[in-house]
Amino acid sequence: MESKPLISRLAQVYEDTKLLYFVTDGEGNCMLDNVTQTDAYIFAMKNGWSVGRHDEKDDTGVKINDEGVEVSYENKDILSEDDFSNYGGM
């Protein structure tokens, strides 16, 4: 794997996480979904609603570390201590 420049890695993280926000009216109704954090806060402030963030896990509950490796017992030899502490491993 070739090492990417820091700005490229930061841009990728931003792209991967930018559409994780939603706006709710506080009564369980989603008023706006899959938007950037800035857009969610602007929309929420105009209407007095709340902002939430989707969980980064997929619907299967599989936990993936920053390198795209599943955090599981089978992969324990290639995972770091941080993976276990950050993703609730074994």
N, C-alpha and C. Protein backbone atom coordinates (compact mmCIF):
# COMPACT_ATOMS: atom_id res chain seq x y z
N MET A 1 0.84 -1.17 0.00
CA MET A 1 0.00 0.00 0.00
C MET A 1 0.89 1.24 0.00
N GLU A 2 0.65 2.14 -0.92
CA GLU A 2 1.44 3.35 -0.97
C GLU A 2 0.91 4.37 0.04
N SER A 3 1.81 5.16 0.57
CA SER A 3 1.43 6.16 1.56
C SER A 3 0.89 7.39 0.85
N LYS A 4 -0.33 7.78 1.20
CA LYS A 4 -0.95 8.96 0.61
C LYS A 4 -0.57 10.19 1.42
N PRO A 5 -0.53 11.35 0.79
CA PRO A 5 -0.27 12.59 1.54
C PRO A 5 -1.39 12.83 2.55
N LEU A 6 -1.06 13.53 3.61
CA LEU A 6 -2.01 13.79 4.69
C LEU A 6 -3.29 14.44 4.16
N ILE A 7 -3.17 15.41 3.27
CA ILE A 7 -4.36 16.11 2.79
C ILE A 7 -5.28 15.15 2.03
N SER A 8 -4.72 14.19 1.32
CA SER A 8 -5.54 13.20 0.61
C SER A 8 -6.27 12.29 1.59
N ARG A 9 -5.59 11.90 2.65
CA ARG A 9 -6.24 11.06 3.67
C ARG A 9 -7.34 11.82 4.39
N LEU A 10 -7.10 13.10 4.71
CA LEU A 10 -8.12 13.91 5.37
C LEU A 10 -9.32 14.13 4.45
N ALA A 11 -9.06 14.35 3.18
CA ALA A 11 -10.16 14.53 2.22
C ALA A 11 -11.00 13.26 2.13
N GLN A 12 -10.37 12.10 2.17
CA GLN A 12 -11.10 10.84 2.11
C GLN A 12 -11.96 10.64 3.35
N VAL A 13 -11.42 10.96 4.52
CA VAL A 13 -12.19 10.85 5.76
C VAL A 13 -13.39 11.78 5.71
N TYR A 14 -13.18 12.98 5.23
CA TYR A 14 -14.28 13.94 5.12
C TYR A 14 -15.36 13.41 4.19
N GLU A 15 -14.98 12.89 3.04
CA GLU A 15 -15.95 12.35 2.08
C GLU A 15 -16.71 11.18 2.68
N ASP A 16 -16.02 10.33 3.44
CA ASP A 16 -16.65 9.14 4.02
C ASP A 16 -17.63 9.48 5.13
N THR A 17 -17.46 10.62 5.79
CA THR A 17 -18.30 10.94 6.95
C THR A 17 -19.20 12.15 6.78
N LYS A 18 -19.17 12.80 5.66
CA LYS A 18 -19.88 14.08 5.57
C LYS A 18 -21.40 13.94 5.52
N LEU A 19 -21.95 12.84 5.09
CA LEU A 19 -23.40 12.71 4.98
C LEU A 19 -23.98 11.85 6.09
N LEU A 20 -23.48 12.02 7.30
CA LEU A 20 -23.93 11.19 8.42
C LEU A 20 -24.92 11.89 9.33
N TYR A 21 -25.39 13.06 9.00
CA TYR A 21 -26.22 13.84 9.92
C TYR A 21 -27.68 13.87 9.49
N PHE A 22 -28.56 14.05 10.48
CA PHE A 22 -29.99 14.16 10.23
C PHE A 22 -30.58 15.18 11.19
N VAL A 23 -31.79 15.64 10.89
CA VAL A 23 -32.49 16.61 11.73
C VAL A 23 -33.82 15.99 12.13
N THR A 24 -34.14 16.08 13.42
CA THR A 24 -35.40 15.56 13.93
C THR A 24 -36.16 16.67 14.63
N ASP A 25 -37.47 16.56 14.64
CA ASP A 25 -38.29 17.59 15.28
C ASP A 25 -38.51 17.34 16.76
N GLY A 26 -37.89 16.33 17.31
CA GLY A 26 -38.01 16.03 18.74
C GLY A 26 -39.19 15.15 19.06
N GLU A 27 -39.99 14.81 18.07
CA GLU A 27 -41.15 13.94 18.27
C GLU A 27 -41.01 12.65 17.47
N GLY A 28 -39.79 12.36 17.04
CA GLY A 28 -39.55 11.13 16.31
C GLY A 28 -39.66 11.24 14.81
N ASN A 29 -39.88 12.42 14.30
CA ASN A 29 -40.00 12.62 12.86
C ASN A 29 -38.68 13.13 12.30
N CYS A 30 -38.17 12.44 11.29
CA CYS A 30 -36.94 12.87 10.64
C CYS A 30 -37.30 13.91 9.59
N MET A 31 -36.81 15.12 9.79
CA MET A 31 -37.15 16.22 8.90
C MET A 31 -36.16 16.38 7.75
N LEU A 32 -34.93 15.94 7.94
CA LEU A 32 -33.88 16.04 6.93
C LEU A 32 -32.89 14.92 7.21
N ASP A 33 -32.42 14.22 6.18
CA ASP A 33 -31.56 13.07 6.40
C ASP A 33 -30.40 13.05 5.41
N ASN A 34 -29.30 12.45 5.84
CA ASN A 34 -28.09 12.28 5.02
C ASN A 34 -27.57 13.60 4.46
N VAL A 35 -27.27 14.51 5.37
CA VAL A 35 -26.72 15.81 4.99
C VAL A 35 -25.43 16.05 5.76
N THR A 36 -24.71 17.10 5.37
CA THR A 36 -23.48 17.45 6.08
C THR A 36 -23.83 18.04 7.44
N GLN A 37 -22.84 18.09 8.30
CA GLN A 37 -23.04 18.64 9.64
C GLN A 37 -23.48 20.09 9.56
N THR A 38 -22.85 20.87 8.71
CA THR A 38 -23.19 22.29 8.58
C THR A 38 -24.63 22.47 8.12
N ASP A 39 -25.02 21.74 7.09
CA ASP A 39 -26.39 21.85 6.59
C ASP A 39 -27.41 21.45 7.65
N ALA A 40 -27.10 20.40 8.39
CA ALA A 40 -28.02 19.94 9.44
C ALA A 40 -28.19 21.01 10.52
N TYR A 41 -27.10 21.64 10.96
CA TYR A 41 -27.19 22.65 12.00
C TYR A 41 -27.93 23.90 11.51
N ILE A 42 -27.68 24.31 10.28
CA ILE A 42 -28.38 25.48 9.75
C ILE A 42 -29.88 25.22 9.69
N PHE A 43 -30.28 24.08 9.15
CA PHE A 43 -31.69 23.73 9.03
C PHE A 43 -32.34 23.61 10.40
N ALA A 44 -31.64 22.99 11.35
CA ALA A 44 -32.18 22.80 12.70
C ALA A 44 -32.35 24.13 13.43
N MET A 45 -31.37 25.01 13.30
CA MET A 45 -31.46 26.30 14.01
C MET A 45 -32.59 27.16 13.48
N LYS A 46 -32.86 27.09 12.20
CA LYS A 46 -33.95 27.88 11.62
C LYS A 46 -35.31 27.46 12.18
N ASN A 47 -35.45 26.18 12.53
CA ASN A 47 -36.74 25.65 12.94
C ASN A 47 -36.80 25.23 14.41
N GLY A 48 -35.70 25.35 15.13
CA GLY A 48 -35.68 24.96 16.54
C GLY A 48 -35.69 23.45 16.74
N TRP A 49 -35.12 22.71 15.79
CA TRP A 49 -35.10 21.25 15.89
C TRP A 49 -33.74 20.74 16.34
N SER A 50 -33.60 19.44 16.45
CA SER A 50 -32.38 18.81 16.94
C SER A 50 -31.61 18.14 15.81
N VAL A 51 -30.29 18.06 16.00
CA VAL A 51 -29.41 17.40 15.03
C VAL A 51 -28.92 16.09 15.62
N GLY A 52 -28.84 15.08 14.79
CA GLY A 52 -28.31 13.79 15.20
C GLY A 52 -27.31 13.29 14.18
N ARG A 53 -26.55 12.29 14.59
CA ARG A 53 -25.54 11.73 13.70
C ARG A 53 -25.76 10.23 13.61
N HIS A 54 -25.78 9.73 12.38
CA HIS A 54 -25.92 8.29 12.19
C HIS A 54 -24.69 7.58 12.71
N ASP A 55 -24.89 6.38 13.22
CA ASP A 55 -23.78 5.56 13.66
C ASP A 55 -22.97 5.15 12.44
N GLU A 56 -21.66 5.07 12.60
CA GLU A 56 -20.81 4.71 11.47
C GLU A 56 -20.83 3.23 11.16
N LYS A 57 -21.41 2.42 12.02
CA LYS A 57 -21.50 0.98 11.74
C LYS A 57 -22.55 0.76 10.67
N ASP A 58 -22.37 -0.30 9.91
CA ASP A 58 -23.40 -0.63 8.95
C ASP A 58 -24.51 -1.39 9.66
N ASP A 59 -25.60 -1.70 8.98
CA ASP A 59 -26.76 -2.32 9.60
C ASP A 59 -26.49 -3.73 10.12
N THR A 60 -25.43 -4.36 9.67
CA THR A 60 -25.14 -5.73 10.10
C THR A 60 -24.48 -5.75 11.48
N GLY A 61 -24.03 -4.62 11.96
CA GLY A 61 -23.37 -4.57 13.25
C GLY A 61 -21.90 -4.92 13.19
N VAL A 62 -21.37 -5.14 12.00
CA VAL A 62 -19.96 -5.47 11.83
C VAL A 62 -19.14 -4.22 12.08
N LYS A 63 -18.13 -4.33 12.91
CA LYS A 63 -17.29 -3.19 13.23
C LYS A 63 -16.05 -3.22 12.35
N ILE A 64 -15.75 -2.11 11.70
CA ILE A 64 -14.62 -2.00 10.78
C ILE A 64 -13.68 -0.92 11.29
N ASN A 65 -12.35 -1.21 11.29
CA ASN A 65 -11.40 -0.21 11.74
C ASN A 65 -11.08 0.75 10.60
N ASP A 66 -10.17 1.70 10.84
CA ASP A 66 -9.86 2.74 9.86
C ASP A 66 -9.23 2.19 8.58
N GLU A 67 -8.59 1.02 8.67
CA GLU A 67 -7.97 0.42 7.49
C GLU A 67 -8.93 -0.49 6.74
N GLY A 68 -10.18 -0.60 7.20
CA GLY A 68 -11.17 -1.43 6.53
C GLY A 68 -11.16 -2.89 6.94
N VAL A 69 -10.49 -3.21 8.04
CA VAL A 69 -10.41 -4.59 8.53
C VAL A 69 -11.48 -4.80 9.59
N GLU A 70 -12.21 -5.89 9.48
CA GLU A 70 -13.25 -6.20 10.46
C GLU A 70 -12.61 -6.46 11.82
N VAL A 71 -13.20 -5.87 12.86
CA VAL A 71 -12.72 -6.09 14.22
C VAL A 71 -13.42 -7.34 14.74
N SER A 72 -12.68 -8.44 14.75
CA SER A 72 -13.23 -9.71 15.19
C SER A 72 -12.12 -10.57 15.76
N TYR A 73 -12.51 -11.64 16.42
CA TYR A 73 -11.53 -12.54 17.01
C TYR A 73 -10.63 -13.16 15.93
N GLU A 74 -11.20 -13.46 14.79
CA GLU A 74 -10.43 -14.08 13.71
C GLU A 74 -9.30 -13.18 13.22
N ASN A 75 -9.47 -11.87 13.34
CA ASN A 75 -8.47 -10.91 12.87
C ASN A 75 -7.61 -10.35 13.99
N LYS A 76 -7.60 -10.97 15.14
CA LYS A 76 -6.91 -10.43 16.31
C LYS A 76 -5.42 -10.23 16.09
N ASP A 77 -4.80 -11.02 15.22
CA ASP A 77 -3.36 -10.92 15.00
C ASP A 77 -2.96 -9.69 14.19
N ILE A 78 -3.88 -9.15 13.40
CA ILE A 78 -3.53 -8.00 12.57
C ILE A 78 -4.13 -6.69 13.09
N LEU A 79 -4.84 -6.75 14.21
CA LEU A 79 -5.46 -5.56 14.79
C LEU A 79 -4.58 -4.99 15.88
N SER A 80 -4.74 -3.71 16.16
CA SER A 80 -3.97 -3.05 17.21
C SER A 80 -4.80 -2.94 18.49
N GLU A 81 -4.14 -2.52 19.56
CA GLU A 81 -4.84 -2.31 20.83
C GLU A 81 -5.91 -1.23 20.69
N ASP A 82 -5.62 -0.20 19.88
CA ASP A 82 -6.57 0.87 19.66
C ASP A 82 -7.85 0.36 19.02
N ASP A 83 -7.71 -0.60 18.10
CA ASP A 83 -8.90 -1.17 17.45
C ASP A 83 -9.81 -1.81 18.50
N PHE A 84 -9.23 -2.52 19.42
CA PHE A 84 -10.03 -3.19 20.43
C PHE A 84 -10.69 -2.19 21.38
N SER A 85 -9.97 -1.15 21.75
CA SER A 85 -10.54 -0.18 22.68
C SER A 85 -11.56 0.74 21.99
N ASN A 86 -11.28 1.14 20.75
CA ASN A 86 -12.17 2.06 20.04
C ASN A 86 -13.41 1.40 19.50
N TYR A 87 -13.34 0.12 19.17
CA TYR A 87 -14.46 -0.54 18.53
C TYR A 87 -15.09 -1.61 19.42
N GLY A 88 -14.75 -1.62 20.69
CA GLY A 88 -15.38 -2.55 21.64
C GLY A 88 -15.08 -3.99 21.34
N GLY A 89 -13.85 -4.27 21.02
CA GLY A 89 -13.47 -5.64 20.68
C GLY A 89 -13.50 -6.57 21.88
N MET A 90 -12.84 -7.69 21.73
CA MET A 90 -12.87 -8.75 22.72
C MET A 90 -12.45 -8.24 24.02
